[in-house]
Amino acid sequence: DYLDFIDIYAERIKMFHVKDAEFNPTGRQGVYSGYQS
């Protein structure tokens, strides 16, 4: 939860990388993504 992370660590967050991502799990792969490129 990247929003809750801000609330928890507000005092320690000093820098911000604005980078986007997506997570689209299937019946074949999830977080570990099957060693795919």
ModelCIF file with pLDDT and N, C-alpha, C, O atoms, coordinates in Angstrom:
data_MODEL
#
_entry.id   MODEL 
#
_entity.id                         1 
_entity.type                       polymer 
_entity.pdbx_number_of_molecules   1 
#
_entity_poly.entity_id                      1 
_entity_poly.type                           'polypeptide(L)' 
_entity_poly.nstd_linkage                   no 
_entity_poly.nstd_monomer                   no 
_entity_poly.pdbx_seq_one_letter_code       DYLDFIDIYAERIKMFHVKDAEFNPTGRQGVYSGYQS 
_entity_poly.pdbx_seq_one_letter_code_can   DYLDFIDIYAERIKMFHVKDAEFNPTGRQGVYSGYQS 
_entity_poly.pdbx_strand_id                 A 
#
loop_
_entity_poly_seq.entity_id 
_entity_poly_seq.num 
_entity_poly_seq.mon_id 
_entity_poly_seq.hetero 
1 1  ASP n 
1 2  TYR n 
1 3  LEU n 
1 4  ASP n 
1 5  PHE n 
1 6  ILE n 
1 7  ASP n 
1 8  ILE n 
1 9  TYR n 
1 10 ALA n 
1 11 GLU n 
1 12 ARG n 
1 13 ILE n 
1 14 LYS n 
1 15 MET n 
1 16 PHE n 
1 17 HIS n 
1 18 VAL n 
1 19 LYS n 
1 20 ASP n 
1 21 ALA n 
1 22 GLU n 
1 23 PHE n 
1 24 ASN n 
1 25 PRO n 
1 26 THR n 
1 27 GLY n 
1 28 ARG n 
1 29 GLN n 
1 30 GLY n 
1 31 VAL n 
1 32 TYR n 
1 33 SER n 
1 34 GLY n 
1 35 TYR n 
1 36 GLN n 
1 37 SER n 
#
_struct_asym.id          A 
_struct_asym.entity_id   1 
#
loop_
_ma_qa_metric.id 
_ma_qa_metric.mode 
_ma_qa_metric.name 
_ma_qa_metric.software_group_id 
_ma_qa_metric.type 
1 global pLDDT . pLDDT 
2 local  pLDDT . pLDDT 
#
_ma_qa_metric_global.metric_id      1 
_ma_qa_metric_global.metric_value   97.65 
_ma_qa_metric_global.model_id       1 
_ma_qa_metric_global.ordinal_id     1 
#
loop_
_ma_qa_metric_local.label_asym_id 
_ma_qa_metric_local.label_comp_id 
_ma_qa_metric_local.label_seq_id 
_ma_qa_metric_local.metric_id 
_ma_qa_metric_local.metric_value 
_ma_qa_metric_local.model_id 
_ma_qa_metric_local.ordinal_id 
A ASP 1  2 98.00 1 1  
A TYR 2  2 98.00 1 2  
A LEU 3  2 98.00 1 3  
A ASP 4  2 98.00 1 4  
A PHE 5  2 98.00 1 5  
A ILE 6  2 98.00 1 6  
A ASP 7  2 98.00 1 7  
A ILE 8  2 98.00 1 8  
A TYR 9  2 98.00 1 9  
A ALA 10 2 98.00 1 10 
A GLU 11 2 98.00 1 11 
A ARG 12 2 98.00 1 12 
A ILE 13 2 98.00 1 13 
A LYS 14 2 98.00 1 14 
A MET 15 2 98.00 1 15 
A PHE 16 2 98.00 1 16 
A HIS 17 2 98.00 1 17 
A VAL 18 2 98.00 1 18 
A LYS 19 2 98.00 1 19 
A ASP 20 2 98.00 1 20 
A ALA 21 2 98.00 1 21 
A GLU 22 2 98.00 1 22 
A PHE 23 2 98.00 1 23 
A ASN 24 2 98.00 1 24 
A PRO 25 2 98.00 1 25 
A THR 26 2 98.00 1 26 
A GLY 27 2 98.00 1 27 
A ARG 28 2 98.00 1 28 
A GLN 29 2 98.00 1 29 
A GLY 30 2 97.00 1 30 
A VAL 31 2 96.00 1 31 
A TYR 32 2 96.00 1 32 
A SER 33 2 96.00 1 33 
A GLY 34 2 96.00 1 34 
A TYR 35 2 97.00 1 35 
A GLN 36 2 97.00 1 36 
A SER 37 2 96.00 1 37 
#
loop_
_atom_site.group_PDB 
_atom_site.id 
_atom_site.type_symbol 
_atom_site.label_atom_id 
_atom_site.label_alt_id 
_atom_site.label_comp_id 
_atom_site.label_asym_id 
_atom_site.label_entity_id 
_atom_site.label_seq_id 
_atom_site.pdbx_PDB_ins_code 
_atom_site.Cartn_x 
_atom_site.Cartn_y 
_atom_site.Cartn_z 
_atom_site.occupancy 
_atom_site.B_iso_or_equiv 
_atom_site.pdbx_formal_charge 
_atom_site.auth_seq_id 
_atom_site.auth_comp_id 
_atom_site.auth_asym_id 
_atom_site.auth_atom_id 
_atom_site.pdbx_PDB_model_num 
ATOM 1   N N  . ASP A 1 1  ? 0.848  -1.198  0.000   1.00 98.00 ? 1  ASP A N  1 
ATOM 2   C CA . ASP A 1 1  ? 0.000  0.000   0.000   1.00 98.00 ? 1  ASP A CA 1 
ATOM 3   C C  . ASP A 1 1  ? 0.878  1.240   0.000   1.00 98.00 ? 1  ASP A C  1 
ATOM 4   O O  . ASP A 1 1  ? 1.379  1.655   1.045   1.00 98.00 ? 1  ASP A O  1 
ATOM 5   N N  . TYR A 1 2  ? 1.064  1.834   -1.185  1.00 98.00 ? 2  TYR A N  1 
ATOM 6   C CA . TYR A 1 2  ? 2.000  2.955   -1.310  1.00 98.00 ? 2  TYR A CA 1 
ATOM 7   C C  . TYR A 1 2  ? 1.455  4.255   -0.733  1.00 98.00 ? 2  TYR A C  1 
ATOM 8   O O  . TYR A 1 2  ? 2.229  5.175   -0.469  1.00 98.00 ? 2  TYR A O  1 
ATOM 9   N N  . LEU A 1 3  ? 0.146  4.356   -0.531  1.00 98.00 ? 3  LEU A N  1 
ATOM 10  C CA . LEU A 1 3  ? -0.414 5.554   0.105   1.00 98.00 ? 3  LEU A CA 1 
ATOM 11  C C  . LEU A 1 3  ? -0.271 5.478   1.620   1.00 98.00 ? 3  LEU A C  1 
ATOM 12  O O  . LEU A 1 3  ? 0.093  6.463   2.263   1.00 98.00 ? 3  LEU A O  1 
ATOM 13  N N  . ASP A 1 4  ? -0.552 4.331   2.181   1.00 98.00 ? 4  ASP A N  1 
ATOM 14  C CA . ASP A 1 4  ? -0.376 4.141   3.625   1.00 98.00 ? 4  ASP A CA 1 
ATOM 15  C C  . ASP A 1 4  ? 1.096  4.324   3.996   1.00 98.00 ? 4  ASP A C  1 
ATOM 16  O O  . ASP A 1 4  ? 1.409  4.824   5.076   1.00 98.00 ? 4  ASP A O  1 
ATOM 17  N N  . PHE A 1 5  ? 1.987  3.923   3.109   1.00 98.00 ? 5  PHE A N  1 
ATOM 18  C CA . PHE A 1 5  ? 3.421  4.088   3.355   1.00 98.00 ? 5  PHE A CA 1 
ATOM 19  C C  . PHE A 1 5  ? 3.758  5.552   3.634   1.00 98.00 ? 5  PHE A C  1 
ATOM 20  O O  . PHE A 1 5  ? 4.557  5.841   4.525   1.00 98.00 ? 5  PHE A O  1 
ATOM 21  N N  . ILE A 1 6  ? 3.166  6.470   2.891   1.00 98.00 ? 6  ILE A N  1 
ATOM 22  C CA . ILE A 1 6  ? 3.416  7.903   3.112   1.00 98.00 ? 6  ILE A CA 1 
ATOM 23  C C  . ILE A 1 6  ? 2.990  8.310   4.507   1.00 98.00 ? 6  ILE A C  1 
ATOM 24  O O  . ILE A 1 6  ? 3.717  9.031   5.190   1.00 98.00 ? 6  ILE A O  1 
ATOM 25  N N  . ASP A 1 7  ? 1.818  7.859   4.942   1.00 98.00 ? 7  ASP A N  1 
ATOM 26  C CA . ASP A 1 7  ? 1.334  8.202   6.278   1.00 98.00 ? 7  ASP A CA 1 
ATOM 27  C C  . ASP A 1 7  ? 2.273  7.674   7.363   1.00 98.00 ? 7  ASP A C  1 
ATOM 28  O O  . ASP A 1 7  ? 2.540  8.356   8.352   1.00 98.00 ? 7  ASP A O  1 
ATOM 29  N N  . ILE A 1 8  ? 2.768  6.452   7.165   1.00 98.00 ? 8  ILE A N  1 
ATOM 30  C CA . ILE A 1 8  ? 3.598  5.813   8.192   1.00 98.00 ? 8  ILE A CA 1 
ATOM 31  C C  . ILE A 1 8  ? 4.969  6.474   8.292   1.00 98.00 ? 8  ILE A C  1 
ATOM 32  O O  . ILE A 1 8  ? 5.482  6.684   9.392   1.00 98.00 ? 8  ILE A O  1 
ATOM 33  N N  . TYR A 1 9  ? 5.559  6.802   7.148   1.00 98.00 ? 9  TYR A N  1 
ATOM 34  C CA . TYR A 1 9  ? 6.959  7.245   7.131   1.00 98.00 ? 9  TYR A CA 1 
ATOM 35  C C  . TYR A 1 9  ? 7.117  8.713   6.714   1.00 98.00 ? 9  TYR A C  1 
ATOM 36  O O  . TYR A 1 9  ? 8.160  9.109   6.196   1.00 98.00 ? 9  TYR A O  1 
ATOM 37  N N  . ALA A 1 10 ? 6.086  9.500   6.944   1.00 98.00 ? 10 ALA A N  1 
ATOM 38  C CA . ALA A 1 10 ? 6.090  10.899  6.507   1.00 98.00 ? 10 ALA A CA 1 
ATOM 39  C C  . ALA A 1 10 ? 7.342  11.651  6.956   1.00 98.00 ? 10 ALA A C  1 
ATOM 40  O O  . ALA A 1 10 ? 7.913  12.423  6.186   1.00 98.00 ? 10 ALA A O  1 
ATOM 41  N N  . GLU A 1 11 ? 7.767  11.429  8.197   1.00 98.00 ? 11 GLU A N  1 
ATOM 42  C CA . GLU A 1 11 ? 8.905  12.183  8.735   1.00 98.00 ? 11 GLU A CA 1 
ATOM 43  C C  . GLU A 1 11 ? 10.226 11.778  8.093   1.00 98.00 ? 11 GLU A C  1 
ATOM 44  O O  . GLU A 1 11 ? 11.195 12.534  8.158   1.00 98.00 ? 11 GLU A O  1 
ATOM 45  N N  . ARG A 1 12 ? 10.282 10.612  7.482   1.00 98.00 ? 12 ARG A N  1 
ATOM 46  C CA . ARG A 1 12 ? 11.533 10.122  6.902   1.00 98.00 ? 12 ARG A CA 1 
ATOM 47  C C  . ARG A 1 12 ? 11.589 10.277  5.383   1.00 98.00 ? 12 ARG A C  1 
ATOM 48  O O  . ARG A 1 12 ? 12.655 10.097  4.795   1.00 98.00 ? 12 ARG A O  1 
ATOM 49  N N  . ILE A 1 13 ? 10.480 10.602  4.739   1.00 98.00 ? 13 ILE A N  1 
ATOM 50  C CA . ILE A 1 13 ? 10.469 10.748  3.284   1.00 98.00 ? 13 ILE A CA 1 
ATOM 51  C C  . ILE A 1 13 ? 11.025 12.115  2.922   1.00 98.00 ? 13 ILE A C  1 
ATOM 52  O O  . ILE A 1 13 ? 10.416 13.142  3.221   1.00 98.00 ? 13 ILE A O  1 
ATOM 53  N N  . LYS A 1 14 ? 12.179 12.122  2.279   1.00 98.00 ? 14 LYS A N  1 
ATOM 54  C CA . LYS A 1 14 ? 12.854 13.371  1.921   1.00 98.00 ? 14 LYS A CA 1 
ATOM 55  C C  . LYS A 1 14 ? 13.015 13.546  0.414   1.00 98.00 ? 14 LYS A C  1 
ATOM 56  O O  . LYS A 1 14 ? 13.320 14.643  -0.055  1.00 98.00 ? 14 LYS A O  1 
ATOM 57  N N  . MET A 1 15 ? 12.810 12.466  -0.348  1.00 98.00 ? 15 MET A N  1 
ATOM 58  C CA . MET A 1 15 ? 12.946 12.541  -1.802  1.00 98.00 ? 15 MET A CA 1 
ATOM 59  C C  . MET A 1 15 ? 11.822 11.752  -2.459  1.00 98.00 ? 15 MET A C  1 
ATOM 60  O O  . MET A 1 15 ? 11.205 10.892  -1.830  1.00 98.00 ? 15 MET A O  1 
ATOM 61  N N  . PHE A 1 16 ? 11.561 12.054  -3.733  1.00 98.00 ? 16 PHE A N  1 
ATOM 62  C CA . PHE A 1 16 ? 10.402 11.498  -4.429  1.00 98.00 ? 16 PHE A CA 1 
ATOM 63  C C  . PHE A 1 16 ? 10.759 11.248  -5.886  1.00 98.00 ? 16 PHE A C  1 
ATOM 64  O O  . PHE A 1 16 ? 11.052 12.184  -6.630  1.00 98.00 ? 16 PHE A O  1 
ATOM 65  N N  . HIS A 1 17 ? 10.734 9.971   -6.296  1.00 98.00 ? 17 HIS A N  1 
ATOM 66  C CA . HIS A 1 17 ? 10.824 9.602   -7.708  1.00 98.00 ? 17 HIS A CA 1 
ATOM 67  C C  . HIS A 1 17 ? 9.416  9.393   -8.238  1.00 98.00 ? 17 HIS A C  1 
ATOM 68  O O  . HIS A 1 17 ? 8.660  8.572   -7.718  1.00 98.00 ? 17 HIS A O  1 
ATOM 69  N N  . VAL A 1 18 ? 9.076  10.132  -9.262  1.00 98.00 ? 18 VAL A N  1 
ATOM 70  C CA . VAL A 1 18 ? 7.760  10.015  -9.882  1.00 98.00 ? 18 VAL A CA 1 
ATOM 71  C C  . VAL A 1 18 ? 7.879  8.964   -10.991 1.00 98.00 ? 18 VAL A C  1 
ATOM 72  O O  . VAL A 1 18 ? 8.299  9.272   -12.107 1.00 98.00 ? 18 VAL A O  1 
ATOM 73  N N  . LYS A 1 19 ? 7.511  7.740   -10.676 1.00 98.00 ? 19 LYS A N  1 
ATOM 74  C CA . LYS A 1 19 ? 7.629  6.645   -11.645 1.00 98.00 ? 19 LYS A CA 1 
ATOM 75  C C  . LYS A 1 19 ? 6.386  5.776   -11.583 1.00 98.00 ? 19 LYS A C  1 
ATOM 76  O O  . LYS A 1 19 ? 5.907  5.436   -10.502 1.00 98.00 ? 19 LYS A O  1 
ATOM 77  N N  . ASP A 1 20 ? 5.875  5.424   -12.735 1.00 98.00 ? 20 ASP A N  1 
ATOM 78  C CA . ASP A 1 20 ? 4.625  4.681   -12.834 1.00 98.00 ? 20 ASP A CA 1 
ATOM 79  C C  . ASP A 1 20 ? 4.908  3.183   -13.000 1.00 98.00 ? 20 ASP A C  1 
ATOM 80  O O  . ASP A 1 20 ? 6.013  2.794   -13.381 1.00 98.00 ? 20 ASP A O  1 
ATOM 81  N N  . ALA A 1 21 ? 3.923  2.361   -12.716 1.00 98.00 ? 21 ALA A N  1 
ATOM 82  C CA . ALA A 1 21 ? 4.044  0.917   -12.845 1.00 98.00 ? 21 ALA A CA 1 
ATOM 83  C C  . ALA A 1 21 ? 2.653  0.309   -12.960 1.00 98.00 ? 21 ALA A C  1 
ATOM 84  O O  . ALA A 1 21 ? 1.645  0.965   -12.696 1.00 98.00 ? 21 ALA A O  1 
ATOM 85  N N  . GLU A 1 22 ? 2.621  -0.948  -13.356 1.00 98.00 ? 22 GLU A N  1 
ATOM 86  C CA . GLU A 1 22 ? 1.363  -1.683  -13.411 1.00 98.00 ? 22 GLU A CA 1 
ATOM 87  C C  . GLU A 1 22 ? 1.595  -3.115  -12.938 1.00 98.00 ? 22 GLU A C  1 
ATOM 88  O O  . GLU A 1 22 ? 2.692  -3.659  -13.068 1.00 98.00 ? 22 GLU A O  1 
ATOM 89  N N  . PHE A 1 23 ? 0.539  -3.711  -12.385 1.00 98.00 ? 23 PHE A N  1 
ATOM 90  C CA . PHE A 1 23 ? 0.590  -5.108  -11.950 1.00 98.00 ? 23 PHE A CA 1 
ATOM 91  C C  . PHE A 1 23 ? -0.640 -5.809  -12.474 1.00 98.00 ? 23 PHE A C  1 
ATOM 92  O O  . PHE A 1 23 ? -1.757 -5.502  -12.061 1.00 98.00 ? 23 PHE A O  1 
ATOM 93  N N  . ASN A 1 24 ? -0.445 -6.751  -13.384 1.00 98.00 ? 24 ASN A N  1 
ATOM 94  C CA . ASN A 1 24 ? -1.537 -7.454  -14.040 1.00 98.00 ? 24 ASN A CA 1 
ATOM 95  C C  . ASN A 1 24 ? -1.321 -8.967  -13.916 1.00 98.00 ? 24 ASN A C  1 
ATOM 96  O O  . ASN A 1 24 ? -0.846 -9.605  -14.855 1.00 98.00 ? 24 ASN A O  1 
ATOM 97  N N  . PRO A 1 25 ? -1.669 -9.534  -12.764 1.00 98.00 ? 25 PRO A N  1 
ATOM 98  C CA . PRO A 1 25 ? -1.460 -10.970 -12.571 1.00 98.00 ? 25 PRO A CA 1 
ATOM 99  C C  . PRO A 1 25 ? -2.382 -11.796 -13.459 1.00 98.00 ? 25 PRO A C  1 
ATOM 100 O O  . PRO A 1 25 ? -3.478 -11.364 -13.820 1.00 98.00 ? 25 PRO A O  1 
ATOM 101 N N  . THR A 1 26 ? -1.922 -12.968 -13.794 1.00 98.00 ? 26 THR A N  1 
ATOM 102 C CA . THR A 1 26 ? -2.725 -13.895 -14.602 1.00 98.00 ? 26 THR A CA 1 
ATOM 103 C C  . THR A 1 26 ? -2.743 -15.247 -13.908 1.00 98.00 ? 26 THR A C  1 
ATOM 104 O O  . THR A 1 26 ? -2.208 -15.398 -12.810 1.00 98.00 ? 26 THR A O  1 
ATOM 105 N N  . GLY A 1 27 ? -3.361 -16.227 -14.556 1.00 98.00 ? 27 GLY A N  1 
ATOM 106 C CA . GLY A 1 27 ? -3.330 -17.581 -14.032 1.00 98.00 ? 27 GLY A CA 1 
ATOM 107 C C  . GLY A 1 27 ? -1.964 -18.225 -14.176 1.00 98.00 ? 27 GLY A C  1 
ATOM 108 O O  . GLY A 1 27 ? -1.734 -19.317 -13.656 1.00 98.00 ? 27 GLY A O  1 
ATOM 109 N N  . ARG A 1 28 ? -1.048 -17.554 -14.884 1.00 98.00 ? 28 ARG A N  1 
ATOM 110 C CA . ARG A 1 28 ? 0.278  -18.114 -15.113 1.00 98.00 ? 28 ARG A CA 1 
ATOM 111 C C  . ARG A 1 28 ? 1.379  -17.455 -14.282 1.00 98.00 ? 28 ARG A C  1 
ATOM 112 O O  . ARG A 1 28 ? 2.392  -18.088 -13.985 1.00 98.00 ? 28 ARG A O  1 
ATOM 113 N N  . GLN A 1 29 ? 1.188  -16.195 -13.908 1.00 98.00 ? 29 GLN A N  1 
ATOM 114 C CA . GLN A 1 29 ? 2.255  -15.520 -13.169 1.00 98.00 ? 29 GLN A CA 1 
ATOM 115 C C  . GLN A 1 29 ? 1.702  -14.418 -12.279 1.00 98.00 ? 29 GLN A C  1 
ATOM 116 O O  . GLN A 1 29 ? 0.638  -13.852 -12.529 1.00 98.00 ? 29 GLN A O  1 
ATOM 117 N N  . GLY A 1 30 ? 2.472  -14.136 -11.221 1.00 97.00 ? 30 GLY A N  1 
ATOM 118 C CA . GLY A 1 30 ? 2.088  -13.090 -10.280 1.00 97.00 ? 30 GLY A CA 1 
ATOM 119 C C  . GLY A 1 30 ? 3.272  -12.211 -9.952  1.00 97.00 ? 30 GLY A C  1 
ATOM 120 O O  . GLY A 1 30 ? 3.977  -11.752 -10.850 1.00 97.00 ? 30 GLY A O  1 
ATOM 121 N N  . VAL A 1 31 ? 3.501  -11.965 -8.646  1.00 96.00 ? 31 VAL A N  1 
ATOM 122 C CA . VAL A 1 31 ? 4.539  -11.031 -8.220  1.00 96.00 ? 31 VAL A CA 1 
ATOM 123 C C  . VAL A 1 31 ? 5.920  -11.427 -8.743  1.00 96.00 ? 31 VAL A C  1 
ATOM 124 O O  . VAL A 1 31 ? 6.712  -10.558 -9.109  1.00 96.00 ? 31 VAL A O  1 
ATOM 125 N N  . TYR A 1 32 ? 6.217  -12.725 -8.783  1.00 96.00 ? 32 TYR A N  1 
ATOM 126 C CA . TYR A 1 32 ? 7.566  -13.150 -9.182  1.00 96.00 ? 32 TYR A CA 1 
ATOM 127 C C  . TYR A 1 32 ? 7.737  -13.201 -10.699 1.00 96.00 ? 32 TYR A C  1 
ATOM 128 O O  . TYR A 1 32 ? 8.865  -13.218 -11.192 1.00 96.00 ? 32 TYR A O  1 
ATOM 129 N N  . SER A 1 33 ? 6.642  -13.225 -11.436 1.00 96.00 ? 33 SER A N  1 
ATOM 130 C CA . SER A 1 33 ? 6.627  -13.028 -12.889 1.00 96.00 ? 33 SER A CA 1 
ATOM 131 C C  . SER A 1 33 ? 7.396  -14.054 -13.707 1.00 96.00 ? 33 SER A C  1 
ATOM 132 O O  . SER A 1 33 ? 7.800  -13.764 -14.833 1.00 96.00 ? 33 SER A O  1 
ATOM 133 N N  . GLY A 1 34 ? 7.604  -15.240 -13.167 1.00 96.00 ? 34 GLY A N  1 
ATOM 134 C CA . GLY A 1 34 ? 8.082  -16.357 -13.960 1.00 96.00 ? 34 GLY A CA 1 
ATOM 135 C C  . GLY A 1 34 ? 9.382  -16.152 -14.711 1.00 96.00 ? 34 GLY A C  1 
ATOM 136 O O  . GLY A 1 34 ? 9.547  -16.691 -15.806 1.00 96.00 ? 34 GLY A O  1 
ATOM 137 N N  . TYR A 1 35 ? 10.308 -15.387 -14.153 1.00 97.00 ? 35 TYR A N  1 
ATOM 138 C CA . TYR A 1 35 ? 11.607 -15.127 -14.792 1.00 97.00 ? 35 TYR A CA 1 
ATOM 139 C C  . TYR A 1 35 ? 11.489 -14.457 -16.161 1.00 97.00 ? 35 TYR A C  1 
ATOM 140 O O  . TYR A 1 35 ? 12.414 -14.538 -16.969 1.00 97.00 ? 35 TYR A O  1 
ATOM 141 N N  . GLN A 1 36 ? 10.382 -13.809 -16.423 1.00 97.00 ? 36 GLN A N  1 
ATOM 142 C CA . GLN A 1 36 ? 10.205 -13.188 -17.736 1.00 97.00 ? 36 GLN A CA 1 
ATOM 143 C C  . GLN A 1 36 ? 10.941 -11.858 -17.831 1.00 97.00 ? 36 GLN A C  1 
ATOM 144 O O  . GLN A 1 36 ? 11.237 -11.225 -16.818 1.00 97.00 ? 36 GLN A O  1 
ATOM 145 N N  . SER A 1 37 ? 11.231 -11.443 -19.058 1.00 96.00 ? 37 SER A N  1 
ATOM 146 C CA . SER A 1 37 ? 11.817 -10.118 -19.284 1.00 96.00 ? 37 SER A CA 1 
ATOM 147 C C  . SER A 1 37 ? 10.771 -9.063  -18.959 1.00 96.00 ? 37 SER A C  1 
ATOM 148 O O  . SER A 1 37 ? 11.042 -7.868  -19.077 1.00 96.00 ? 37 SER A O  1 
#
